[in-house]
């Protein structure tokens, strides 16, 4: 079994579908891959991953909207097929076991994932992240 992890943005709003009486969340995640060409110029390409997450999405389903950044972990399936012109293609699918909302990108505003993360992380009481005792060099 291949386990895959991907972080990317939703290409459209997630949907709840029903297959043989079992509900699942269906979504497409766009993941950016960076490389360099022969001249050393940075190139970006997008890999689309189809995700099926069994259940109804728990408490985060209402937030799985187009542009939302998500982390997905699950079993990877790669399927080879031929397109209409007969060219070989592949599809990457993940049967998700875990989906975490990382942030969202609202229209006309900046990505708020950093500010959300900072709001959830308490700041240390002093400038020393290991505590207030300057003679104690142990972080626990």
C-alpha atoms as a PDB file:
ATOM      1  CA  UNK A   1       0.000   0.000   0.000  1.00  0.00           C
ATOM      2  CA  UNK A   2       1.294   3.453  -0.929  1.00  0.00           C
ATOM      3  CA  UNK A   3       0.562   6.265   1.510  1.00  0.00           C
ATOM      4  CA  UNK A   4       0.521   9.783   0.114  1.00  0.00           C
ATOM      5  CA  UNK A   5       0.469  13.203   1.716  1.00  0.00           C
ATOM      6  CA  UNK A   6      -0.353  16.325  -0.241  1.00  0.00           C
ATOM      7  CA  UNK A   7      -0.842  19.996   0.571  1.00  0.00           C
ATOM      8  CA  UNK A   8      -2.673  22.095  -1.957  1.00  0.00           C
ATOM      9  CA  UNK A   9      -5.680  24.236  -2.769  1.00  0.00           C
ATOM     10  CA  UNK A  10      -9.142  22.977  -3.613  1.00  0.00           C
ATOM     11  CA  UNK A  11     -10.021  23.475  -7.267  1.00  0.00           C
ATOM     12  CA  UNK A  12     -13.749  23.661  -6.492  1.00  0.00           C
ATOM     13  CA  UNK A  13     -16.092  23.297  -3.538  1.00  0.00           C
ATOM     14  CA  UNK A  14     -16.077  19.795  -2.042  1.00  0.00           C
ATOM     15  CA  UNK A  15     -19.179  17.690  -2.649  1.00  0.00           C
ATOM     16  CA  UNK A  16     -20.863  14.980  -0.615  1.00  0.00           C
ATOM     17  CA  UNK A  17     -21.716  12.030  -2.844  1.00  0.00           C
ATOM     18  CA  UNK A  18     -23.371   8.690  -2.249  1.00  0.00           C
ATOM     19  CA  UNK A  19     -22.050   5.393  -3.601  1.00  0.00           C
ATOM     20  CA  UNK A  20     -23.964   2.203  -2.815  1.00  0.00           C
ATOM     21  CA  UNK A  21     -25.451   3.765   0.301  1.00  0.00           C
ATOM     22  CA  UNK A  22     -22.087   4.968   1.616  1.00  0.00           C
ATOM     23  CA  UNK A  23     -21.421   8.713   1.715  1.00  0.00           C
ATOM     24  CA  UNK A  24     -18.092  10.312   0.907  1.00  0.00           C
ATOM     25  CA  UNK A  25     -16.610  13.755   0.275  1.00  0.00           C
ATOM     26  CA  UNK A  26     -15.211  14.295  -3.202  1.00  0.00           C
ATOM     27  CA  UNK A  27     -12.694  17.056  -3.919  1.00  0.00           C
ATOM     28  CA  UNK A  28      -9.853  17.987  -6.268  1.00  0.00           C
ATOM     29  CA  UNK A  29      -6.605  19.335  -4.827  1.00  0.00           C
ATOM     30  CA  UNK A  30      -4.104  21.333  -6.887  1.00  0.00           C
ATOM     31  CA  UNK A  31      -0.507  20.824  -5.751  1.00  0.00           C
ATOM     32  CA  UNK A  32       2.293  22.979  -7.182  1.00  0.00           C
ATOM     33  CA  UNK A  33       5.574  21.324  -8.141  1.00  0.00           C
ATOM     34  CA  UNK A  34       8.657  23.470  -8.719  1.00  0.00           C
ATOM     35  CA  UNK A  35      11.696  22.577 -10.818  1.00  0.00           C
ATOM     36  CA  UNK A  36      14.356  24.294 -12.925  1.00  0.00           C
ATOM     37  CA  UNK A  37      14.666  24.183 -16.684  1.00  0.00           C
ATOM     38  CA  UNK A  38      17.930  23.738 -18.628  1.00  0.00           C
ATOM     39  CA  UNK A  39      18.722  27.467 -18.217  1.00  0.00           C
ATOM     40  CA  UNK A  40      18.208  27.399 -14.448  1.00  0.00           C
ATOM     41  CA  UNK A  41      14.880  29.238 -14.579  1.00  0.00           C
ATOM     42  CA  UNK A  42      12.303  28.218 -12.010  1.00  0.00           C
ATOM     43  CA  UNK A  43       9.351  26.364 -13.504  1.00  0.00           C
ATOM     44  CA  UNK A  44       6.027  25.654 -11.804  1.00  0.00           C
ATOM     45  CA  UNK A  45       3.600  22.937 -12.793  1.00  0.00           C
ATOM     46  CA  UNK A  46       0.337  21.898 -11.187  1.00  0.00           C
ATOM     47  CA  UNK A  47      -0.515  18.318 -10.295  1.00  0.00           C
ATOM     48  CA  UNK A  48      -4.215  17.607  -9.730  1.00  0.00           C
ATOM     49  CA  UNK A  49      -5.151  14.995  -7.167  1.00  0.00           C
ATOM     50  CA  UNK A  50      -8.669  13.562  -6.863  1.00  0.00           C
ATOM     51  CA  UNK A  51      -9.579  12.876  -3.244  1.00  0.00           C
ATOM     52  CA  UNK A  52     -12.308  10.650  -1.826  1.00  0.00           C
ATOM     53  CA  UNK A  53     -12.865  10.919   1.912  1.00  0.00           C
ATOM     54  CA  UNK A  54     -15.447   8.513   3.284  1.00  0.00           C
ATOM     55  CA  UNK A  55     -17.999  10.017   5.631  1.00  0.00           C
ATOM     56  CA  UNK A  56     -19.559  13.454   5.566  1.00  0.00           C
ATOM     57  CA  UNK A  57     -16.448  15.546   6.256  1.00  0.00           C
ATOM     58  CA  UNK A  58     -16.955  16.030   9.949  1.00  0.00           C
ATOM     59  CA  UNK A  59     -16.996  19.607  11.151  1.00  0.00           C
ATOM     60  CA  UNK A  60     -14.777  20.971   8.376  1.00  0.00           C
ATOM     61  CA  UNK A  61     -17.011  20.153   5.381  1.00  0.00           C
ATOM     62  CA  UNK A  62     -18.610  23.648   5.310  1.00  0.00           C
ATOM     63  CA  UNK A  63     -15.109  25.140   4.971  1.00  0.00           C
ATOM     64  CA  UNK A  64     -13.935  22.948   2.080  1.00  0.00           C
ATOM     65  CA  UNK A  65     -14.490  25.651  -0.527  1.00  0.00           C
ATOM     66  CA  UNK A  66     -12.668  26.523  -3.730  1.00  0.00           C
ATOM     67  CA  UNK A  67      -9.222  27.951  -2.918  1.00  0.00           C
ATOM     68  CA  UNK A  68      -9.051  26.509   0.617  1.00  0.00           C
ATOM     69  CA  UNK A  69      -5.651  25.069   1.518  1.00  0.00           C
ATOM     70  CA  UNK A  70      -5.805  21.487   2.794  1.00  0.00           C
ATOM     71  CA  UNK A  71      -3.492  18.719   3.950  1.00  0.00           C
ATOM     72  CA  UNK A  72      -4.570  15.236   2.827  1.00  0.00           C
ATOM     73  CA  UNK A  73      -3.147  11.872   3.889  1.00  0.00           C
ATOM     74  CA  UNK A  74      -4.343   8.535   2.562  1.00  0.00           C
ATOM     75  CA  UNK A  75      -3.873   5.591   0.242  1.00  0.00           C
ATOM     76  CA  UNK A  76      -2.610   6.557  -3.196  1.00  0.00           C
ATOM     77  CA  UNK A  77      -3.890   5.061  -6.435  1.00  0.00           C
ATOM     78  CA  UNK A  78      -2.336   5.938  -9.784  1.00  0.00           C
ATOM     79  CA  UNK A  79      -4.373   5.019 -12.816  1.00  0.00           C
ATOM     80  CA  UNK A  80      -3.046   4.973 -16.353  1.00  0.00           C
ATOM     81  CA  UNK A  81      -5.409   5.720 -19.239  1.00  0.00           C
ATOM     82  CA  UNK A  82      -5.513   7.079 -22.783  1.00  0.00           C
ATOM     83  CA  UNK A  83      -7.080  10.426 -23.575  1.00  0.00           C
ATOM     84  CA  UNK A  84      -9.373  11.008 -26.578  1.00  0.00           C
ATOM     85  CA  UNK A  85      -6.359  11.520 -28.856  1.00  0.00           C
ATOM     86  CA  UNK A  86      -4.834   8.212 -27.727  1.00  0.00           C
ATOM     87  CA  UNK A  87      -2.079   9.819 -25.650  1.00  0.00           C
ATOM     88  CA  UNK A  88      -1.115   8.049 -22.424  1.00  0.00           C
ATOM     89  CA  UNK A  89      -2.187   9.939 -19.305  1.00  0.00           C
ATOM     90  CA  UNK A  90      -2.281   9.240 -15.590  1.00  0.00           C
ATOM     91  CA  UNK A  91      -4.623  10.181 -12.761  1.00  0.00           C
ATOM     92  CA  UNK A  92      -3.633  10.446  -9.119  1.00  0.00           C
ATOM     93  CA  UNK A  93      -6.333   9.508  -6.629  1.00  0.00           C
ATOM     94  CA  UNK A  94      -6.174   9.428  -2.842  1.00  0.00           C
ATOM     95  CA  UNK A  95      -8.562   7.555  -0.570  1.00  0.00           C
ATOM     96  CA  UNK A  96      -8.187   9.950   2.348  1.00  0.00           C
ATOM     97  CA  UNK A  97      -7.850   8.845   5.933  1.00  0.00           C
ATOM     98  CA  UNK A  98      -7.108  12.372   7.172  1.00  0.00           C
ATOM     99  CA  UNK A  99      -8.004  15.835   5.904  1.00  0.00           C
ATOM    100  CA  UNK A 100      -6.891  18.995   7.723  1.00  0.00           C
ATOM    101  CA  UNK A 101      -7.905  22.518   6.790  1.00  0.00           C
ATOM    102  CA  UNK A 102      -4.726  24.634   6.611  1.00  0.00           C
ATOM    103  CA  UNK A 103      -6.284  27.974   5.730  1.00  0.00           C
ATOM    104  CA  UNK A 104      -8.277  29.692   3.061  1.00  0.00           C
ATOM    105  CA  UNK A 105      -7.676  32.279   0.417  1.00  0.00           C
ATOM    106  CA  UNK A 106     -10.560  34.732   0.375  1.00  0.00           C
ATOM    107  CA  UNK A 107     -11.220  36.813  -2.726  1.00  0.00           C
ATOM    108  CA  UNK A 108      -9.563  40.215  -2.618  1.00  0.00           C
ATOM    109  CA  UNK A 109      -7.585  39.496   0.528  1.00  0.00           C
ATOM    110  CA  UNK A 110      -4.342  37.901   1.596  1.00  0.00           C
ATOM    111  CA  UNK A 111      -3.902  34.294   2.673  1.00  0.00           C
ATOM    112  CA  UNK A 112      -4.881  34.194   6.361  1.00  0.00           C
ATOM    113  CA  UNK A 113      -3.331  30.827   7.246  1.00  0.00           C
ATOM    114  CA  UNK A 114      -0.342  32.492   8.929  1.00  0.00           C
ATOM    115  CA  UNK A 115      -2.471  34.748  11.120  1.00  0.00           C
ATOM    116  CA  UNK A 116      -4.762  31.841  12.052  1.00  0.00           C
ATOM    117  CA  UNK A 117      -1.746  29.778  13.027  1.00  0.00           C
ATOM    118  CA  UNK A 118      -0.335  32.572  15.158  1.00  0.00           C
ATOM    119  CA  UNK A 119      -3.666  33.045  16.930  1.00  0.00           C
ATOM    120  CA  UNK A 120      -3.704  29.380  17.927  1.00  0.00           C
ATOM    121  CA  UNK A 121      -0.078  29.247  19.135  1.00  0.00           C
ATOM    122  CA  UNK A 122       0.480  30.844  22.555  1.00  0.00           C
ATOM    123  CA  UNK A 123       3.460  33.166  22.762  1.00  0.00           C
ATOM    124  CA  UNK A 124       6.138  32.402  25.332  1.00  0.00           C
ATOM    125  CA  UNK A 125       5.832  34.429  28.564  1.00  0.00           C
ATOM    126  CA  UNK A 126       9.429  35.614  28.245  1.00  0.00           C
ATOM    127  CA  UNK A 127      12.007  36.026  25.515  1.00  0.00           C
ATOM    128  CA  UNK A 128      13.444  32.626  26.474  1.00  0.00           C
ATOM    129  CA  UNK A 129      11.367  29.839  24.861  1.00  0.00           C
ATOM    130  CA  UNK A 130      12.662  27.359  27.470  1.00  0.00           C
ATOM    131  CA  UNK A 131      11.313  29.211  30.488  1.00  0.00           C
ATOM    132  CA  UNK A 132      12.259  31.978  32.854  1.00  0.00           C
ATOM    133  CA  UNK A 133      15.235  30.285  34.564  1.00  0.00           C
ATOM    134  CA  UNK A 134      18.381  31.446  32.684  1.00  0.00           C
ATOM    135  CA  UNK A 135      20.534  28.839  34.481  1.00  0.00           C
ATOM    136  CA  UNK A 136      18.414  25.951  33.207  1.00  0.00           C
ATOM    137  CA  UNK A 137      19.586  24.927  29.732  1.00  0.00           C
ATOM    138  CA  UNK A 138      17.147  21.990  29.478  1.00  0.00           C
ATOM    139  CA  UNK A 139      14.041  22.599  27.379  1.00  0.00           C
ATOM    140  CA  UNK A 140      11.848  20.491  29.720  1.00  0.00           C
END
